Amino acid sequence: DALRQRLLPLATLITPNLPEAAALLGHPIHDPAEAAIELLNTGAKAVLLKGGHGDGPVLTDILADADGIRAFTMPRIDSRHTHGTGCTMASAIAAGLAQAMSVDEAVGRARRYIQAAIVTAPGFGAGHGPLNHNVGFEP
């Protein structure tokens, strides 16, 4: 409750995945867009509900803010090298916001970066391996 009541209203953007959103809301997520709006109503200025934990061949992230709801889709990449995608996404978005990008611009660039980092992952380890954080990409 303290997180929802005190911290979320201070946030420019929150970036929960589906399980994290369910924990924040206290119920399962059946409609990601509705969940994003519900999270927005906690006081955060924007919500990026990440769809990487969903099923299917297409990954859909939902961005909700005062301008409405936008869905960002991309093909799911078949890779075991996805460890740290959420933290990397949040950091990449924060870097974009620090460079005076709009939330939409920062989210779009971060999503392209994550996609490139997964595709070019170095292949370390036998389990869920790391991303290629040094990847160069066209913003």
N, C-alpha and C. Protein backbone atom coordinates (compact mmCIF):
# COMPACT_ATOMS: atom_id res chain seq x y z
N ASP A 1 0.82 -1.21 0.00
CA ASP A 1 0.00 0.00 0.00
C ASP A 1 0.86 1.26 0.00
N ALA A 2 1.94 1.26 0.79
CA ALA A 2 2.81 2.44 0.85
C ALA A 2 3.41 2.73 -0.52
N LEU A 3 3.79 1.68 -1.24
CA LEU A 3 4.35 1.86 -2.58
C LEU A 3 3.34 2.53 -3.49
N ARG A 4 2.11 2.03 -3.49
CA ARG A 4 1.07 2.60 -4.35
C ARG A 4 0.70 4.01 -3.93
N GLN A 5 0.62 4.26 -2.65
CA GLN A 5 0.13 5.55 -2.17
C GLN A 5 1.20 6.64 -2.13
N ARG A 6 2.45 6.25 -1.88
CA ARG A 6 3.49 7.27 -1.69
C ARG A 6 4.50 7.37 -2.82
N LEU A 7 4.90 6.23 -3.35
CA LEU A 7 5.96 6.25 -4.35
C LEU A 7 5.45 6.42 -5.78
N LEU A 8 4.44 5.68 -6.16
CA LEU A 8 3.95 5.76 -7.55
C LEU A 8 3.52 7.16 -7.95
N PRO A 9 2.87 7.94 -7.08
CA PRO A 9 2.50 9.30 -7.49
C PRO A 9 3.69 10.22 -7.78
N LEU A 10 4.88 9.83 -7.33
CA LEU A 10 6.08 10.63 -7.58
C LEU A 10 6.76 10.25 -8.89
N ALA A 11 6.35 9.14 -9.49
CA ALA A 11 7.04 8.60 -10.66
C ALA A 11 6.63 9.28 -11.95
N THR A 12 7.62 9.58 -12.78
CA THR A 12 7.37 10.06 -14.13
C THR A 12 6.83 8.92 -14.98
N LEU A 13 7.42 7.74 -14.80
CA LEU A 13 7.04 6.55 -15.57
C LEU A 13 7.32 5.32 -14.73
N ILE A 14 6.38 4.39 -14.71
CA ILE A 14 6.64 3.08 -14.11
C ILE A 14 6.63 2.05 -15.23
N THR A 15 7.45 0.99 -15.07
CA THR A 15 7.64 0.02 -16.15
C THR A 15 7.44 -1.42 -15.68
N PRO A 16 6.29 -1.74 -15.10
CA PRO A 16 6.10 -3.11 -14.63
C PRO A 16 5.88 -4.09 -15.79
N ASN A 17 6.30 -5.34 -15.55
CA ASN A 17 5.89 -6.40 -16.47
C ASN A 17 4.54 -6.91 -15.98
N LEU A 18 3.98 -7.89 -16.65
CA LEU A 18 2.64 -8.37 -16.29
C LEU A 18 2.56 -8.92 -14.86
N PRO A 19 3.51 -9.78 -14.41
CA PRO A 19 3.43 -10.25 -13.02
C PRO A 19 3.59 -9.12 -12.00
N GLU A 20 4.47 -8.17 -12.28
CA GLU A 20 4.65 -7.04 -11.36
C GLU A 20 3.39 -6.17 -11.30
N ALA A 21 2.75 -5.97 -12.45
CA ALA A 21 1.51 -5.19 -12.48
C ALA A 21 0.43 -5.89 -11.67
N ALA A 22 0.33 -7.20 -11.81
CA ALA A 22 -0.66 -7.95 -11.03
C ALA A 22 -0.40 -7.80 -9.54
N ALA A 23 0.87 -7.83 -9.14
CA ALA A 23 1.20 -7.66 -7.72
C ALA A 23 0.86 -6.25 -7.24
N LEU A 24 1.15 -5.24 -8.05
CA LEU A 24 0.83 -3.86 -7.68
C LEU A 24 -0.68 -3.65 -7.55
N LEU A 25 -1.44 -4.27 -8.44
CA LEU A 25 -2.89 -4.07 -8.45
C LEU A 25 -3.62 -5.03 -7.51
N GLY A 26 -2.97 -6.11 -7.15
CA GLY A 26 -3.60 -7.07 -6.24
C GLY A 26 -4.58 -8.00 -6.91
N HIS A 27 -4.49 -8.13 -8.23
CA HIS A 27 -5.36 -9.07 -8.95
C HIS A 27 -4.71 -9.46 -10.28
N PRO A 28 -5.13 -10.59 -10.86
CA PRO A 28 -4.57 -11.02 -12.14
C PRO A 28 -4.89 -10.02 -13.26
N ILE A 29 -4.02 -9.99 -14.26
CA ILE A 29 -4.21 -9.09 -15.40
C ILE A 29 -4.89 -9.88 -16.52
N HIS A 30 -6.07 -9.44 -16.92
CA HIS A 30 -6.79 -10.07 -18.03
C HIS A 30 -6.73 -9.18 -19.27
N ASP A 31 -6.70 -7.87 -19.07
CA ASP A 31 -6.64 -6.92 -20.17
C ASP A 31 -5.52 -5.93 -19.87
N PRO A 32 -4.38 -6.04 -20.56
CA PRO A 32 -3.25 -5.17 -20.26
C PRO A 32 -3.56 -3.67 -20.37
N ALA A 33 -4.38 -3.28 -21.34
CA ALA A 33 -4.71 -1.86 -21.48
C ALA A 33 -5.49 -1.36 -20.26
N GLU A 34 -6.44 -2.15 -19.79
CA GLU A 34 -7.19 -1.77 -18.59
C GLU A 34 -6.28 -1.72 -17.38
N ALA A 35 -5.35 -2.66 -17.29
CA ALA A 35 -4.41 -2.67 -16.17
C ALA A 35 -3.51 -1.43 -16.21
N ALA A 36 -3.08 -1.04 -17.40
CA ALA A 36 -2.24 0.16 -17.52
C ALA A 36 -3.00 1.40 -17.05
N ILE A 37 -4.28 1.50 -17.40
CA ILE A 37 -5.09 2.63 -16.95
C ILE A 37 -5.26 2.59 -15.44
N GLU A 38 -5.50 1.40 -14.90
CA GLU A 38 -5.65 1.26 -13.45
C GLU A 38 -4.37 1.69 -12.74
N LEU A 39 -3.22 1.31 -13.29
CA LEU A 39 -1.95 1.73 -12.70
C LEU A 39 -1.74 3.23 -12.85
N LEU A 40 -2.15 3.78 -13.98
CA LEU A 40 -2.05 5.23 -14.18
C LEU A 40 -2.87 5.96 -13.13
N ASN A 41 -3.98 5.40 -12.75
CA ASN A 41 -4.84 6.02 -11.74
C ASN A 41 -4.25 5.99 -10.33
N THR A 42 -3.11 5.30 -10.15
CA THR A 42 -2.43 5.33 -8.85
C THR A 42 -1.66 6.63 -8.68
N GLY A 43 -1.51 7.39 -9.76
CA GLY A 43 -0.84 8.68 -9.68
C GLY A 43 0.43 8.80 -10.48
N ALA A 44 0.96 7.69 -10.99
CA ALA A 44 2.14 7.79 -11.85
C ALA A 44 1.77 8.60 -13.09
N LYS A 45 2.71 9.37 -13.60
CA LYS A 45 2.41 10.21 -14.77
C LYS A 45 2.30 9.39 -16.06
N ALA A 46 2.99 8.25 -16.09
CA ALA A 46 2.92 7.37 -17.26
C ALA A 46 3.20 5.94 -16.82
N VAL A 47 2.64 4.99 -17.57
CA VAL A 47 2.82 3.56 -17.30
C VAL A 47 3.21 2.87 -18.60
N LEU A 48 4.31 2.13 -18.56
CA LEU A 48 4.65 1.24 -19.66
C LEU A 48 4.49 -0.17 -19.13
N LEU A 49 3.41 -0.82 -19.50
CA LEU A 49 3.15 -2.20 -19.08
C LEU A 49 3.79 -3.11 -20.12
N LYS A 50 4.86 -3.77 -19.71
CA LYS A 50 5.66 -4.57 -20.63
C LYS A 50 5.04 -5.95 -20.82
N GLY A 51 4.97 -6.38 -22.06
CA GLY A 51 4.30 -7.63 -22.38
C GLY A 51 5.20 -8.83 -22.60
N GLY A 52 6.46 -8.75 -22.23
CA GLY A 52 7.39 -9.84 -22.47
C GLY A 52 7.04 -11.14 -21.78
N HIS A 53 6.27 -11.07 -20.69
CA HIS A 53 5.89 -12.29 -19.99
C HIS A 53 4.61 -12.90 -20.56
N GLY A 54 4.02 -12.26 -21.55
CA GLY A 54 2.83 -12.80 -22.18
C GLY A 54 3.17 -13.94 -23.12
N ASP A 55 2.15 -14.54 -23.69
CA ASP A 55 2.33 -15.65 -24.62
C ASP A 55 2.16 -15.16 -26.05
N GLY A 56 2.59 -15.97 -26.97
CA GLY A 56 2.34 -15.69 -28.38
C GLY A 56 3.56 -15.17 -29.10
N PRO A 57 3.45 -15.11 -30.43
CA PRO A 57 4.59 -14.72 -31.27
C PRO A 57 4.83 -13.21 -31.34
N VAL A 58 3.88 -12.42 -30.83
CA VAL A 58 4.02 -10.96 -30.87
C VAL A 58 4.06 -10.44 -29.44
N LEU A 59 5.03 -9.59 -29.17
CA LEU A 59 5.17 -8.95 -27.87
C LEU A 59 4.52 -7.58 -27.94
N THR A 60 3.64 -7.27 -27.01
CA THR A 60 2.95 -5.98 -27.00
C THR A 60 3.18 -5.29 -25.67
N ASP A 61 3.74 -4.09 -25.73
CA ASP A 61 3.88 -3.22 -24.57
C ASP A 61 2.80 -2.15 -24.68
N ILE A 62 2.23 -1.78 -23.54
CA ILE A 62 1.17 -0.77 -23.50
C ILE A 62 1.70 0.45 -22.77
N LEU A 63 1.62 1.61 -23.42
CA LEU A 63 2.01 2.88 -22.80
C LEU A 63 0.74 3.68 -22.54
N ALA A 64 0.54 4.07 -21.29
CA ALA A 64 -0.63 4.88 -20.92
C ALA A 64 -0.13 6.14 -20.22
N ASP A 65 -0.68 7.28 -20.63
CA ASP A 65 -0.39 8.55 -19.97
C ASP A 65 -1.53 9.51 -20.25
N ALA A 66 -1.32 10.78 -19.96
CA ALA A 66 -2.39 11.76 -20.15
C ALA A 66 -2.82 11.89 -21.61
N ASP A 67 -1.96 11.47 -22.54
CA ASP A 67 -2.28 11.54 -23.97
C ASP A 67 -3.07 10.34 -24.46
N GLY A 68 -3.27 9.34 -23.60
CA GLY A 68 -4.04 8.16 -23.98
C GLY A 68 -3.24 6.89 -23.85
N ILE A 69 -3.65 5.90 -24.64
CA ILE A 69 -3.03 4.57 -24.60
C ILE A 69 -2.47 4.26 -25.98
N ARG A 70 -1.23 3.77 -25.99
CA ARG A 70 -0.60 3.34 -27.23
C ARG A 70 -0.07 1.93 -27.03
N ALA A 71 -0.19 1.12 -28.07
CA ALA A 71 0.35 -0.23 -28.05
C ALA A 71 1.57 -0.27 -28.97
N PHE A 72 2.66 -0.82 -28.46
CA PHE A 72 3.88 -1.00 -29.22
C PHE A 72 4.08 -2.51 -29.41
N THR A 73 4.16 -2.96 -30.64
CA THR A 73 4.30 -4.39 -30.89
C THR A 73 5.61 -4.68 -31.62
N MET A 74 6.09 -5.89 -31.43
CA MET A 74 7.23 -6.39 -32.19
C MET A 74 7.18 -7.91 -32.14
N PRO A 75 7.78 -8.57 -33.12
CA PRO A 75 7.82 -10.02 -33.07
C PRO A 75 8.63 -10.48 -31.85
N ARG A 76 8.16 -11.53 -31.20
CA ARG A 76 8.91 -12.11 -30.08
C ARG A 76 10.18 -12.73 -30.65
N ILE A 77 11.31 -12.46 -30.03
CA ILE A 77 12.59 -13.00 -30.46
C ILE A 77 12.83 -14.30 -29.70
N ASP A 78 13.08 -15.38 -30.43
CA ASP A 78 13.34 -16.67 -29.81
C ASP A 78 14.78 -16.69 -29.31
N SER A 79 14.95 -16.40 -28.03
CA SER A 79 16.28 -16.33 -27.44
C SER A 79 16.19 -16.66 -25.96
N ARG A 80 17.22 -17.31 -25.44
CA ARG A 80 17.29 -17.52 -23.99
C ARG A 80 18.07 -16.39 -23.33
N HIS A 81 18.55 -15.45 -24.13
CA HIS A 81 19.37 -14.34 -23.62
C HIS A 81 18.50 -13.11 -23.36
N THR A 82 17.70 -13.23 -22.33
CA THR A 82 16.77 -12.15 -21.98
C THR A 82 16.93 -11.70 -20.53
N HIS A 83 17.96 -12.20 -19.86
CA HIS A 83 18.16 -11.82 -18.46
C HIS A 83 18.51 -10.34 -18.36
N GLY A 84 17.71 -9.60 -17.63
CA GLY A 84 17.97 -8.17 -17.43
C GLY A 84 17.26 -7.24 -18.40
N THR A 85 16.35 -7.77 -19.20
CA THR A 85 15.68 -6.90 -20.17
C THR A 85 14.87 -5.80 -19.50
N GLY A 86 14.20 -6.11 -18.40
CA GLY A 86 13.38 -5.09 -17.74
C GLY A 86 14.20 -3.96 -17.17
N CYS A 87 15.28 -4.30 -16.48
CA CYS A 87 16.16 -3.28 -15.90
C CYS A 87 16.83 -2.46 -17.00
N THR A 88 17.25 -3.14 -18.06
CA THR A 88 17.89 -2.45 -19.17
C THR A 88 16.91 -1.52 -19.87
N MET A 89 15.67 -1.97 -20.03
CA MET A 89 14.64 -1.14 -20.65
C MET A 89 14.41 0.12 -19.82
N ALA A 90 14.23 -0.04 -18.51
CA ALA A 90 13.99 1.12 -17.65
C ALA A 90 15.17 2.08 -17.68
N SER A 91 16.38 1.56 -17.69
CA SER A 91 17.57 2.41 -17.74
C SER A 91 17.67 3.15 -19.07
N ALA A 92 17.38 2.46 -20.15
CA ALA A 92 17.43 3.10 -21.47
C ALA A 92 16.37 4.19 -21.60
N ILE A 93 15.19 3.95 -21.04
CA ILE A 93 14.15 4.98 -21.06
C ILE A 93 14.58 6.17 -20.22
N ALA A 94 15.13 5.91 -19.04
CA ALA A 94 15.59 7.00 -18.17
C ALA A 94 16.67 7.83 -18.87
N ALA A 95 17.56 7.17 -19.61
CA ALA A 95 18.59 7.90 -20.35
C ALA A 95 17.95 8.80 -21.40
N GLY A 96 16.94 8.30 -22.09
CA GLY A 96 16.25 9.12 -23.08
C GLY A 96 15.54 10.31 -22.45
N LEU A 97 14.88 10.09 -21.32
CA LEU A 97 14.21 11.19 -20.63
C LEU A 97 15.22 12.23 -20.16
N ALA A 98 16.40 11.77 -19.71
CA ALA A 98 17.45 12.70 -19.28
C ALA A 98 17.99 13.52 -20.44
N GLN A 99 17.83 13.00 -21.66
CA GLN A 99 18.26 13.72 -22.86
C GLN A 99 17.13 14.57 -23.44
N ALA A 100 16.10 14.79 -22.63
CA ALA A 100 14.95 15.64 -22.98
C ALA A 100 14.06 15.04 -24.07
N MET A 101 14.09 13.73 -24.23
CA MET A 101 13.15 13.08 -25.14
C MET A 101 11.78 13.04 -24.48
N SER A 102 10.75 12.97 -25.30
CA SER A 102 9.41 12.72 -24.77
C SER A 102 9.35 11.27 -24.30
N VAL A 103 8.34 10.94 -23.52
CA VAL A 103 8.18 9.56 -23.06
C VAL A 103 8.05 8.63 -24.27
N ASP A 104 7.26 9.01 -25.27
CA ASP A 104 7.09 8.18 -26.47
C ASP A 104 8.42 7.94 -27.18
N GLU A 105 9.21 9.00 -27.34
CA GLU A 105 10.50 8.86 -28.01
C GLU A 105 11.44 7.97 -27.22
N ALA A 106 11.49 8.19 -25.90
CA ALA A 106 12.39 7.40 -25.05
C ALA A 106 11.99 5.93 -25.04
N VAL A 107 10.70 5.66 -24.97
CA VAL A 107 10.22 4.27 -24.99
C VAL A 107 10.53 3.62 -26.34
N GLY A 108 10.27 4.33 -27.42
CA GLY A 108 10.55 3.78 -28.75
C GLY A 108 12.02 3.45 -28.94
N ARG A 109 12.89 4.37 -28.54
CA ARG A 109 14.33 4.12 -28.69
C ARG A 109 14.78 2.96 -27.80
N ALA A 110 14.28 2.93 -26.57
CA ALA A 110 14.64 1.86 -25.64
C ALA A 110 14.20 0.50 -26.18
N ARG A 111 13.02 0.43 -26.76
CA ARG A 111 12.53 -0.84 -27.31
C ARG A 111 13.43 -1.31 -28.46
N ARG A 112 13.85 -0.38 -29.32
CA ARG A 112 14.75 -0.75 -30.42
C ARG A 112 16.10 -1.23 -29.88
N TYR A 113 16.59 -0.57 -28.83
CA TYR A 113 17.85 -0.97 -28.21
C TYR A 113 17.75 -2.37 -27.62
N ILE A 114 16.67 -2.64 -26.88
CA ILE A 114 16.48 -3.96 -26.28
C ILE A 114 16.43 -5.04 -27.36
N GLN A 115 15.70 -4.77 -28.42
CA GLN A 115 15.59 -5.74 -29.51
C GLN A 115 16.98 -6.05 -30.08
N ALA A 116 17.76 -5.02 -30.34
CA ALA A 116 19.11 -5.22 -30.88
C ALA A 116 20.00 -5.95 -29.87
N ALA A 117 19.85 -5.63 -28.59
CA ALA A 117 20.68 -6.25 -27.55
C ALA A 117 20.36 -7.74 -27.38
N ILE A 118 19.12 -8.12 -27.61
CA ILE A 118 18.75 -9.55 -27.55
C ILE A 118 19.29 -10.28 -28.77
N VAL A 119 19.08 -9.71 -29.93
CA VAL A 119 19.48 -10.36 -31.19
C VAL A 119 20.99 -10.58 -31.23
N THR A 120 21.77 -9.67 -30.66
CA THR A 120 23.24 -9.76 -30.72
C THR A 120 23.85 -10.23 -29.40
N ALA A 121 23.06 -10.88 -28.55
CA ALA A 121 23.55 -11.35 -27.25
C ALA A 121 24.77 -12.25 -27.42
N PRO A 122 25.74 -12.16 -26.49
CA PRO A 122 26.99 -12.90 -26.65
C PRO A 122 26.90 -14.41 -26.47
N GLY A 123 25.83 -14.93 -25.91
CA GLY A 123 25.67 -16.38 -25.78
C GLY A 123 26.35 -17.00 -24.59
N PHE A 124 26.62 -16.23 -23.54
CA PHE A 124 27.25 -16.76 -22.34
C PHE A 124 26.29 -17.63 -21.55
N GLY A 125 26.83 -18.61 -20.85
CA GLY A 125 26.05 -19.39 -19.90
C GLY A 125 25.16 -20.44 -20.54
N ALA A 126 24.54 -21.23 -19.65
CA ALA A 126 23.68 -22.31 -20.10
C ALA A 126 22.21 -22.01 -19.84
N GLY A 127 21.92 -21.01 -19.04
CA GLY A 127 20.54 -20.65 -18.73
C GLY A 127 20.15 -19.37 -19.44
N HIS A 128 19.38 -18.56 -18.76
CA HIS A 128 19.00 -17.26 -19.32
C HIS A 128 20.22 -16.35 -19.27
N GLY A 129 20.77 -16.09 -20.42
CA GLY A 129 22.00 -15.31 -20.50
C GLY A 129 21.74 -13.82 -20.62
N PRO A 130 22.83 -13.05 -20.59
CA PRO A 130 22.71 -11.59 -20.63
C PRO A 130 22.50 -11.06 -22.05
N LEU A 131 22.09 -9.82 -22.08
CA LEU A 131 21.95 -9.08 -23.33
C LEU A 131 23.31 -8.57 -23.78
N ASN A 132 23.37 -8.05 -24.98
CA ASN A 132 24.57 -7.35 -25.46
C ASN A 132 24.37 -5.87 -25.20
N HIS A 133 24.79 -5.42 -24.02
CA HIS A 133 24.60 -4.02 -23.65
C HIS A 133 25.47 -3.07 -24.46
N ASN A 134 26.45 -3.59 -25.17
CA ASN A 134 27.35 -2.75 -25.97
C ASN A 134 26.91 -2.63 -27.42
N VAL A 135 25.74 -3.12 -27.72
CA VAL A 135 25.28 -3.11 -29.10
C VAL A 135 25.15 -1.68 -29.61
N GLY A 136 25.55 -1.48 -30.85
CA GLY A 136 25.29 -0.22 -31.51
C GLY A 136 24.05 -0.37 -32.36
N PHE A 137 23.23 0.65 -32.42
CA PHE A 137 22.01 0.56 -33.20
C PHE A 137 21.65 1.95 -33.70
N GLU A 138 20.85 2.01 -34.73
CA GLU A 138 20.37 3.29 -35.26
C GLU A 138 19.20 3.75 -34.42
N PRO A 139 19.36 4.86 -33.71
CA PRO A 139 18.23 5.35 -32.89
C PRO A 139 17.12 5.80 -33.79
